[in-house]
PDB file of N, CA and C in Angstrom:
ATOM      1  N   UNK A   1     -89.713 287.238 412.465  1.00  0.00           N
ATOM      2  CA  UNK A   1     -89.005 286.521 413.510  1.00  0.00           C
ATOM      3  C   UNK A   1     -89.216 285.019 413.313  1.00  0.00           C
ATOM      4  N   UNK A   2     -88.162 284.237 413.468  1.00  0.00           N
ATOM      5  CA  UNK A   2     -88.223 282.792 413.293  1.00  0.00           C
ATOM      6  C   UNK A   2     -88.429 282.112 414.639  1.00  0.00           C
ATOM      7  N   UNK A   3     -89.247 281.093 414.642  1.00  0.00           N
ATOM      8  CA  UNK A   3     -89.504 280.321 415.854  1.00  0.00           C
ATOM      9  C   UNK A   3     -88.324 279.407 416.141  1.00  0.00           C
ATOM     10  N   UNK A   4     -88.144 279.065 417.414  1.00  0.00           N
ATOM     11  CA  UNK A   4     -87.091 278.111 417.775  1.00  0.00           C
ATOM     12  C   UNK A   4     -87.423 276.715 417.257  1.00  0.00           C
ATOM     13  N   UNK A   5     -88.667 276.481 416.859  1.00  0.00           N
ATOM     14  CA  UNK A   5     -89.065 275.183 416.306  1.00  0.00           C
ATOM     15  C   UNK A   5     -88.824 275.082 414.800  1.00  0.00           C
ATOM     16  N   UNK A   6     -88.552 276.195 414.132  1.00  0.00           N
ATOM     17  CA  UNK A   6     -88.345 276.185 412.688  1.00  0.00           C
ATOM     18  C   UNK A   6     -87.216 275.238 412.268  1.00  0.00           C
ATOM     19  N   UNK A   7     -86.056 275.219 412.937  1.00  0.00           N
ATOM     20  CA  UNK A   7     -85.019 274.270 412.527  1.00  0.00           C
ATOM     21  C   UNK A   7     -85.440 272.800 412.679  1.00  0.00           C
ATOM     22  N   UNK A   8     -86.331 272.517 413.620  1.00  0.00           N
ATOM     23  CA  UNK A   8     -86.785 271.141 413.834  1.00  0.00           C
ATOM     24  C   UNK A   8     -87.897 270.737 412.870  1.00  0.00           C
ATOM     25  N   UNK A   9     -88.788 271.666 412.565  1.00  0.00           N
ATOM     26  CA  UNK A   9     -89.981 271.341 411.790  1.00  0.00           C
ATOM     27  C   UNK A   9     -89.942 271.847 410.358  1.00  0.00           C
ATOM     28  N   UNK A  10     -89.143 272.870 410.105  1.00  0.00           N
ATOM     29  CA  UNK A  10     -89.139 273.509 408.797  1.00  0.00           C
ATOM     30  C   UNK A  10     -90.275 274.508 408.628  1.00  0.00           C
ATOM     31  N   UNK A  11     -91.130 274.612 409.639  1.00  0.00           N
ATOM     32  CA  UNK A  11     -92.274 275.525 409.563  1.00  0.00           C
ATOM     33  C   UNK A  11     -91.885 276.903 410.073  1.00  0.00           C
ATOM     34  N   UNK A  12     -92.309 277.904 409.346  1.00  0.00           N
ATOM     35  CA  UNK A  12     -92.081 279.282 409.777  1.00  0.00           C
ATOM     36  C   UNK A  12     -93.403 279.871 410.242  1.00  0.00           C
ATOM     37  N   UNK A  13     -93.371 280.928 411.036  1.00  0.00           N
ATOM     38  CA  UNK A  13     -94.621 281.590 411.416  1.00  0.00           C
ATOM     39  C   UNK A  13     -95.434 282.029 410.193  1.00  0.00           C
ATOM     40  N   UNK A  14     -94.760 282.421 409.121  1.00  0.00           N
ATOM     41  CA  UNK A  14     -95.452 282.848 407.906  1.00  0.00           C
ATOM     42  C   UNK A  14     -96.192 281.660 407.265  1.00  0.00           C
ATOM     43  N   UNK A  15     -95.568 280.494 407.253  1.00  0.00           N
ATOM     44  CA  UNK A  15     -96.204 279.299 406.690  1.00  0.00           C
ATOM     45  C   UNK A  15     -97.438 278.920 407.501  1.00  0.00           C
ATOM     46  N   UNK A  16     -97.311 278.975 408.810  1.00  0.00           N
ATOM     47  CA  UNK A  16     -98.441 278.641 409.679  1.00  0.00           C
ATOM     48  C   UNK A  16     -99.570 279.641 409.510  1.00  0.00           C
ATOM     49  N   UNK A  17     -99.223 280.923 409.403  1.00  0.00           N
ATOM     50  CA  UNK A  17    -100.247 281.953 409.203  1.00  0.00           C
ATOM     51  C   UNK A  17    -100.999 281.731 407.885  1.00  0.00           C
ATOM     52  N   UNK A  18    -100.277 281.333 406.850  1.00  0.00           N
ATOM     53  CA  UNK A  18    -100.895 281.163 405.532  1.00  0.00           C
ATOM     54  C   UNK A  18    -101.650 279.836 405.401  1.00  0.00           C
ATOM     55  N   UNK A  19    -101.150 278.769 406.037  1.00  0.00           N
ATOM     56  CA  UNK A  19    -101.701 277.441 405.785  1.00  0.00           C
ATOM     57  C   UNK A  19    -102.161 276.707 407.041  1.00  0.00           C
ATOM     58  N   UNK A  20    -101.960 277.287 408.194  1.00  0.00           N
ATOM     59  CA  UNK A  20    -102.262 276.608 409.452  1.00  0.00           C
ATOM     60  C   UNK A  20    -103.741 276.623 409.801  1.00  0.00           C
ATOM     61  N   UNK A  21    -104.043 275.969 410.900  1.00  0.00           N
ATOM     62  CA  UNK A  21    -105.408 275.917 411.406  1.00  0.00           C
ATOM     63  C   UNK A  21    -105.353 276.135 412.914  1.00  0.00           C
ATOM     64  N   UNK A  22    -106.465 276.398 413.505  1.00  0.00           N
ATOM     65  CA  UNK A  22    -106.475 276.608 414.955  1.00  0.00           C
ATOM     66  C   UNK A  22    -106.255 275.277 415.673  1.00  0.00           C
ATOM     67  N   UNK A  23    -105.793 275.354 416.890  1.00  0.00           N
ATOM     68  CA  UNK A  23    -105.581 274.143 417.686  1.00  0.00           C
ATOM     69  C   UNK A  23    -106.899 273.396 417.865  1.00  0.00           C
ATOM     70  N   UNK A  24    -107.976 274.126 418.086  1.00  0.00           N
ATOM     71  CA  UNK A  24    -109.287 273.496 418.282  1.00  0.00           C
ATOM     72  C   UNK A  24    -109.684 272.662 417.065  1.00  0.00           C
ATOM     73  N   UNK A  25    -109.544 273.221 415.871  1.00  0.00           N
ATOM     74  CA  UNK A  25    -109.891 272.501 414.640  1.00  0.00           C
ATOM     75  C   UNK A  25    -108.926 271.328 414.426  1.00  0.00           C
ATOM     76  N   UNK A  26    -107.644 271.542 414.702  1.00  0.00           N
ATOM     77  CA  UNK A  26    -106.654 270.474 414.539  1.00  0.00           C
ATOM     78  C   UNK A  26    -106.965 269.291 415.456  1.00  0.00           C
ATOM     79  N   UNK A  27    -107.350 269.566 416.701  1.00  0.00           N
ATOM     80  CA  UNK A  27    -107.678 268.489 417.642  1.00  0.00           C
ATOM     81  C   UNK A  27    -108.943 267.740 417.220  1.00  0.00           C
ATOM     82  N   UNK A  28    -109.944 268.459 416.723  1.00  0.00           N
ATOM     83  CA  UNK A  28    -111.153 267.809 416.214  1.00  0.00           C
ATOM     84  C   UNK A  28    -110.828 266.906 415.022  1.00  0.00           C
ATOM     85  N   UNK A  29    -109.971 267.389 414.136  1.00  0.00           N
ATOM     86  CA  UNK A  29    -109.564 266.615 412.964  1.00  0.00           C
ATOM     87  C   UNK A  29    -108.781 265.374 413.390  1.00  0.00           C
ATOM     88  N   UNK A  30    -107.873 265.540 414.340  1.00  0.00           N
ATOM     89  CA  UNK A  30    -107.093 264.411 414.837  1.00  0.00           C
ATOM     90  C   UNK A  30    -107.990 263.355 415.466  1.00  0.00           C
ATOM     91  N   UNK A  31    -108.883 263.761 416.337  1.00  0.00           N
ATOM     92  CA  UNK A  31    -109.787 262.805 416.997  1.00  0.00           C
ATOM     93  C   UNK A  31    -110.671 262.067 415.991  1.00  0.00           C
ATOM     94  N   UNK A  32    -111.107 262.751 414.947  1.00  0.00           N
ATOM     95  CA  UNK A  32    -111.951 262.125 413.926  1.00  0.00           C
ATOM     96  C   UNK A  32    -111.161 261.101 413.101  1.00  0.00           C
ATOM     97  N   UNK A  33    -109.875 261.350 412.902  1.00  0.00           N
ATOM     98  CA  UNK A  33    -109.054 260.468 412.061  1.00  0.00           C
ATOM     99  C   UNK A  33    -108.370 259.350 412.845  1.00  0.00           C
ATOM    100  N   UNK A  34    -108.190 259.529 414.148  1.00  0.00           N
ATOM    101  CA  UNK A  34    -107.448 258.569 414.965  1.00  0.00           C
ATOM    102  C   UNK A  34    -108.332 257.370 415.311  1.00  0.00           C
ATOM    103  N   UNK A  35    -107.965 256.171 414.852  1.00  0.00           N
ATOM    104  CA  UNK A  35    -108.775 254.995 415.186  1.00  0.00           C
ATOM    105  C   UNK A  35    -108.760 254.726 416.689  1.00  0.00           C
ATOM    106  N   UNK A  36    -109.879 254.347 417.231  1.00  0.00           N
ATOM    107  CA  UNK A  36    -109.976 254.081 418.677  1.00  0.00           C
ATOM    108  C   UNK A  36    -109.124 252.885 419.085  1.00  0.00           C
ATOM    109  N   UNK A  37    -108.784 252.006 418.126  1.00  0.00           N
ATOM    110  CA  UNK A  37    -107.971 250.825 418.424  1.00  0.00           C
ATOM    111  C   UNK A  37    -106.470 251.075 418.182  1.00  0.00           C
ATOM    112  N   UNK A  38    -106.099 252.317 417.868  1.00  0.00           N
ATOM    113  CA  UNK A  38    -104.707 252.654 417.546  1.00  0.00           C
ATOM    114  C   UNK A  38    -103.812 252.626 418.774  1.00  0.00           C
ATOM    115  N   UNK A  39    -102.574 252.195 418.557  1.00  0.00           N
ATOM    116  CA  UNK A  39    -101.518 252.322 419.563  1.00  0.00           C
ATOM    117  C   UNK A  39    -100.574 253.400 419.067  1.00  0.00           C
ATOM    118  N   UNK A  40    -100.326 254.387 419.900  1.00  0.00           N
ATOM    119  CA  UNK A  40     -99.456 255.499 419.541  1.00  0.00           C
ATOM    120  C   UNK A  40     -98.033 255.157 419.951  1.00  0.00           C
ATOM    121  N   UNK A  41     -97.086 255.387 419.054  1.00  0.00           N
ATOM    122  CA  UNK A  41     -95.695 255.042 419.282  1.00  0.00           C
ATOM    123  C   UNK A  41     -94.864 256.310 419.186  1.00  0.00           C
ATOM    124  N   UNK A  42     -93.978 256.526 420.175  1.00  0.00           N
ATOM    125  CA  UNK A  42     -93.120 257.703 420.127  1.00  0.00           C
ATOM    126  C   UNK A  42     -92.213 257.790 421.333  1.00  0.00           C
ATOM    127  N   UNK A  43     -91.342 258.770 421.285  1.00  0.00           N
ATOM    128  CA  UNK A  43     -90.413 259.037 422.376  1.00  0.00           C
ATOM    129  C   UNK A  43     -91.139 259.885 423.407  1.00  0.00           C
ATOM    130  N   UNK A  44     -91.298 259.361 424.608  1.00  0.00           N
ATOM    131  CA  UNK A  44     -92.008 260.062 425.679  1.00  0.00           C
ATOM    132  C   UNK A  44     -93.424 260.446 425.215  1.00  0.00           C
ATOM    133  N   UNK A  45     -94.097 259.492 424.595  1.00  0.00           N
ATOM    134  CA  UNK A  45     -95.392 259.706 423.948  1.00  0.00           C
ATOM    135  C   UNK A  45     -96.475 260.173 424.914  1.00  0.00           C
ATOM    136  N   UNK A  46     -96.359 259.831 426.170  1.00  0.00           N
ATOM    137  CA  UNK A  46     -97.380 260.249 427.151  1.00  0.00           C
ATOM    138  C   UNK A  46     -97.474 261.776 427.253  1.00  0.00           C
ATOM    139  N   UNK A  47     -96.339 262.446 427.144  1.00  0.00           N
ATOM    140  CA  UNK A  47     -96.350 263.920 427.192  1.00  0.00           C
ATOM    141  C   UNK A  47     -97.128 264.489 426.011  1.00  0.00           C
ATOM    142  N   UNK A  48     -96.977 263.856 424.847  1.00  0.00           N
ATOM    143  CA  UNK A  48     -97.708 264.318 423.670  1.00  0.00           C
ATOM    144  C   UNK A  48     -99.207 264.118 423.852  1.00  0.00           C
ATOM    145  N   UNK A  49     -99.592 262.953 424.369  1.00  0.00           N
ATOM    146  CA  UNK A  49    -101.028 262.698 424.553  1.00  0.00           C
ATOM    147  C   UNK A  49    -101.617 263.629 425.615  1.00  0.00           C
ATOM    148  N   UNK A  50    -100.837 263.945 426.647  1.00  0.00           N
ATOM    149  CA  UNK A  50    -101.312 264.891 427.661  1.00  0.00           C
ATOM    150  C   UNK A  50    -101.500 266.278 427.040  1.00  0.00           C
ATOM    151  N   UNK A  51    -100.513 266.717 426.269  1.00  0.00           N
ATOM    152  CA  UNK A  51    -100.580 268.038 425.654  1.00  0.00           C
ATOM    153  C   UNK A  51    -101.759 268.128 424.697  1.00  0.00           C
ATOM    154  N   UNK A  52    -102.020 267.043 423.975  1.00  0.00           N
ATOM    155  CA  UNK A  52    -103.135 267.017 423.028  1.00  0.00           C
ATOM    156  C   UNK A  52    -104.469 266.715 423.692  1.00  0.00           C
ATOM    157  N   UNK A  53    -104.435 266.465 425.004  1.00  0.00           N
ATOM    158  CA  UNK A  53    -105.625 266.142 425.785  1.00  0.00           C
ATOM    159  C   UNK A  53    -106.355 264.919 425.229  1.00  0.00           C
ATOM    160  N   UNK A  54    -105.556 263.930 424.789  1.00  0.00           N
ATOM    161  CA  UNK A  54    -106.110 262.667 424.324  1.00  0.00           C
ATOM    162  C   UNK A  54    -106.182 261.713 425.505  1.00  0.00           C
ATOM    163  N   UNK A  55    -107.246 260.933 425.572  1.00  0.00           N
ATOM    164  CA  UNK A  55    -107.446 260.029 426.701  1.00  0.00           C
ATOM    165  C   UNK A  55    -107.320 258.580 426.239  1.00  0.00           C
ATOM    166  N   UNK A  56    -106.401 257.864 426.901  1.00  0.00           N
ATOM    167  CA  UNK A  56    -106.207 256.449 426.593  1.00  0.00           C
ATOM    168  C   UNK A  56    -107.493 255.684 426.901  1.00  0.00           C
ATOM    169  N   UNK A  57    -107.875 254.788 425.999  1.00  0.00           N
ATOM    170  CA  UNK A  57    -109.100 254.031 426.166  1.00  0.00           C
ATOM    171  C   UNK A  57    -110.321 254.744 425.621  1.00  0.00           C
ATOM    172  N   UNK A  58    -110.184 256.025 425.320  1.00  0.00           N
ATOM    173  CA  UNK A  58    -111.278 256.802 424.734  1.00  0.00           C
ATOM    174  C   UNK A  58    -110.899 257.231 423.311  1.00  0.00           C
ATOM    175  N   UNK A  59    -109.767 257.943 423.196  1.00  0.00           N
ATOM    176  CA  UNK A  59    -109.311 258.442 421.901  1.00  0.00           C
ATOM    177  C   UNK A  59    -108.387 257.457 421.186  1.00  0.00           C
ATOM    178  N   UNK A  60    -107.727 256.582 421.924  1.00  0.00           N
ATOM    179  CA  UNK A  60    -106.792 255.605 421.375  1.00  0.00           C
ATOM    180  C   UNK A  60    -106.671 254.455 422.361  1.00  0.00           C
ATOM    181  N   UNK A  61    -106.132 253.323 421.892  1.00  0.00           N
ATOM    182  CA  UNK A  61    -106.082 252.121 422.731  1.00  0.00           C
ATOM    183  C   UNK A  61    -104.927 252.130 423.731  1.00  0.00           C
ATOM    184  N   UNK A  62    -103.762 252.624 423.334  1.00  0.00           N
ATOM    185  CA  UNK A  62    -102.617 252.596 424.239  1.00  0.00           C
ATOM    186  C   UNK A  62    -101.406 253.260 423.627  1.00  0.00           C
ATOM    187  N   UNK A  63    -100.301 253.229 424.374  1.00  0.00           N
ATOM    188  CA  UNK A  63     -99.054 253.866 423.953  1.00  0.00           C
ATOM    189  C   UNK A  63     -97.895 252.888 424.054  1.00  0.00           C
ATOM    190  N   UNK A  64     -96.936 253.070 423.173  1.00  0.00           N
ATOM    191  CA  UNK A  64     -95.657 252.371 423.259  1.00  0.00           C
ATOM    192  C   UNK A  64     -94.589 253.456 423.283  1.00  0.00           C
ATOM    193  N   UNK A  65     -93.886 253.542 424.405  1.00  0.00           N
ATOM    194  CA  UNK A  65     -92.878 254.589 424.582  1.00  0.00           C
ATOM    195  C   UNK A  65     -91.511 254.049 424.196  1.00  0.00           C
ATOM    196  N   UNK A  66     -90.919 254.593 423.153  1.00  0.00           N
ATOM    197  CA  UNK A  66     -89.620 254.141 422.668  1.00  0.00           C
ATOM    198  C   UNK A  66     -88.478 254.472 423.627  1.00  0.00           C
ATOM    199  N   UNK A  67     -88.680 255.412 424.522  1.00  0.00           N
ATOM    200  CA  UNK A  67     -87.625 255.787 425.466  1.00  0.00           C
ATOM    201  C   UNK A  67     -87.214 254.591 426.317  1.00  0.00           C
ATOM    202  N   UNK A  68     -88.159 253.747 426.660  1.00  0.00           N
ATOM    203  CA  UNK A  68     -87.847 252.569 427.463  1.00  0.00           C
ATOM    204  C   UNK A  68     -87.038 251.526 426.721  1.00  0.00           C
ATOM    205  N   UNK A  69     -87.117 251.532 425.394  1.00  0.00           N
ATOM    206  CA  UNK A  69     -86.380 250.554 424.598  1.00  0.00           C
ATOM    207  C   UNK A  69     -84.915 250.916 424.427  1.00  0.00           C
ATOM    208  N   UNK A  70     -84.603 252.186 424.497  1.00  0.00           N
ATOM    209  CA  UNK A  70     -83.242 252.635 424.177  1.00  0.00           C
ATOM    210  C   UNK A  70     -82.500 253.209 425.375  1.00  0.00           C
ATOM    211  N   UNK A  71     -83.047 253.053 426.557  1.00  0.00           N
ATOM    212  CA  UNK A  71     -82.356 253.583 427.728  1.00  0.00           C
ATOM    213  C   UNK A  71     -81.225 252.623 428.140  1.00  0.00           C
ATOM    214  N   UNK A  72     -80.217 253.191 428.776  1.00  0.00           N
ATOM    215  CA  UNK A  72     -79.059 252.421 429.222  1.00  0.00           C
ATOM    216  C   UNK A  72     -78.798 252.775 430.681  1.00  0.00           C
ATOM    217  N   UNK A  73     -78.622 251.767 431.514  1.00  0.00           N
ATOM    218  CA  UNK A  73     -78.344 252.020 432.929  1.00  0.00           C
ATOM    219  C   UNK A  73     -76.910 252.490 433.085  1.00  0.00           C
ATOM    220  N   UNK A  74     -76.734 253.563 433.837  1.00  0.00           N
ATOM    221  CA  UNK A  74     -75.419 254.132 434.097  1.00  0.00           C
ATOM    222  C   UNK A  74     -75.081 253.855 435.563  1.00  0.00           C
ATOM    223  N   UNK A  75     -74.229 252.851 435.834  1.00  0.00           N
ATOM    224  CA  UNK A  75     -73.932 252.488 437.220  1.00  0.00           C
ATOM    225  C   UNK A  75     -73.210 253.593 437.996  1.00  0.00           C
ATOM    226  N   UNK A  76     -72.489 254.458 437.289  1.00  0.00           N
ATOM    227  CA  UNK A  76     -71.779 255.550 437.963  1.00  0.00           C
ATOM    228  C   UNK A  76     -72.759 256.471 438.680  1.00  0.00           C
ATOM    229  N   UNK A  77     -73.919 256.727 438.055  1.00  0.00           N
ATOM    230  CA  UNK A  77     -74.910 257.629 438.626  1.00  0.00           C
ATOM    231  C   UNK A  77     -76.152 256.902 439.135  1.00  0.00           C
ATOM    232  N   UNK A  78     -76.147 255.581 439.033  1.00  0.00           N
ATOM    233  CA  UNK A  78     -77.292 254.759 439.454  1.00  0.00           C
ATOM    234  C   UNK A  78     -78.607 255.257 438.855  1.00  0.00           C
ATOM    235  N   UNK A  79     -78.533 255.561 437.567  1.00  0.00           N
ATOM    236  CA  UNK A  79     -79.738 256.036 436.875  1.00  0.00           C
ATOM    237  C   UNK A  79     -79.649 255.633 435.402  1.00  0.00           C
ATOM    238  N   UNK A  80     -80.733 255.857 434.702  1.00  0.00           N
ATOM    239  CA  UNK A  80     -80.778 255.546 433.278  1.00  0.00           C
ATOM    240  C   UNK A  80     -80.409 256.763 432.451  1.00  0.00           C
ATOM    241  N   UNK A  81     -79.712 256.522 431.370  1.00  0.00           N
ATOM    242  CA  UNK A  81     -79.443 257.536 430.360  1.00  0.00           C
ATOM    243  C   UNK A  81     -80.413 257.295 429.224  1.00  0.00           C
ATOM    244  N   UNK A  82     -81.120 258.338 428.829  1.00  0.00           N
ATOM    245  CA  UNK A  82     -82.073 258.252 427.716  1.00  0.00           C
ATOM    246  C   UNK A  82     -81.490 259.006 426.534  1.00  0.00           C
ATOM    247  N   UNK A  83     -81.556 258.380 425.372  1.00  0.00           N
ATOM    248  CA  UNK A  83     -81.042 258.996 424.155  1.00  0.00           C
ATOM    249  C   UNK A  83     -82.190 259.463 423.281  1.00  0.00           C
ATOM    250  N   UNK A  84     -81.989 260.577 422.592  1.00  0.00           N
ATOM    251  CA  UNK A  84     -82.994 261.076 421.661  1.00  0.00           C
ATOM    252  C   UNK A  84     -83.060 260.173 420.429  1.00  0.00           C
ATOM    253  N   UNK A  85     -84.177 260.227 419.732  1.00  0.00           N
ATOM    254  CA  UNK A  85     -84.362 259.378 418.558  1.00  0.00           C
ATOM    255  C   UNK A  85     -83.353 259.678 417.463  1.00  0.00           C
ATOM    256  N   UNK A  86     -82.912 260.933 417.355  1.00  0.00           N
ATOM    257  CA  UNK A  86     -81.897 261.263 416.343  1.00  0.00           C
ATOM    258  C   UNK A  86     -80.604 260.508 416.619  1.00  0.00           C
ATOM    259  N   UNK A  87     -80.196 260.433 417.885  1.00  0.00           N
ATOM    260  CA  UNK A  87     -78.996 259.706 418.264  1.00  0.00           C
ATOM    261  C   UNK A  87     -79.168 258.205 418.014  1.00  0.00           C
ATOM    262  N   UNK A  88     -80.291 257.670 418.415  1.00  0.00           N
ATOM    263  CA  UNK A  88     -80.539 256.236 418.241  1.00  0.00           C
ATOM    264  C   UNK A  88     -80.561 255.869 416.760  1.00  0.00           C
ATOM    265  N   UNK A  89     -81.230 256.683 415.943  1.00  0.00           N
ATOM    266  CA  UNK A  89     -81.298 256.403 414.502  1.00  0.00           C
ATOM    267  C   UNK A  89     -79.910 256.457 413.863  1.00  0.00           C
ATOM    268  N   UNK A  90     -79.084 257.412 414.299  1.00  0.00           N
ATOM    269  CA  UNK A  90     -77.733 257.512 413.770  1.00  0.00           C
ATOM    270  C   UNK A  90     -76.898 256.307 414.200  1.00  0.00           C
ATOM    271  N   UNK A  91     -77.026 255.901 415.458  1.00  0.00           N
ATOM    272  CA  UNK A  91     -76.251 254.773 415.965  1.00  0.00           C
ATOM    273  C   UNK A  91     -76.682 253.458 415.321  1.00  0.00           C
ATOM    274  N   UNK A  92     -77.983 253.308 415.086  1.00  0.00           N
ATOM    275  CA  UNK A  92     -78.477 252.074 414.473  1.00  0.00           C
ATOM    276  C   UNK A  92     -78.106 252.018 413.021  1.00  0.00           C
TER     277      UNK A  92
END
């Protein structure tokens, strides 16, 4: 059975079974490699840091969320439209 993430990542359950590591080991490896002065950059990066249980000021210095850079105010709905990075990269 193929994961719904396979089209996005190229990883199959078989690849992960053969070459993957546990989440616990992966998080230990990430924390050991991540500089404490690093700024993490990404689309909605706070969700990633929450999921990874990384703490700002402890595991990394801060975040830069790209979603705020590419949002557009939509006056019809009085709200912001956020575009995915694939759309922004194609448009740029």
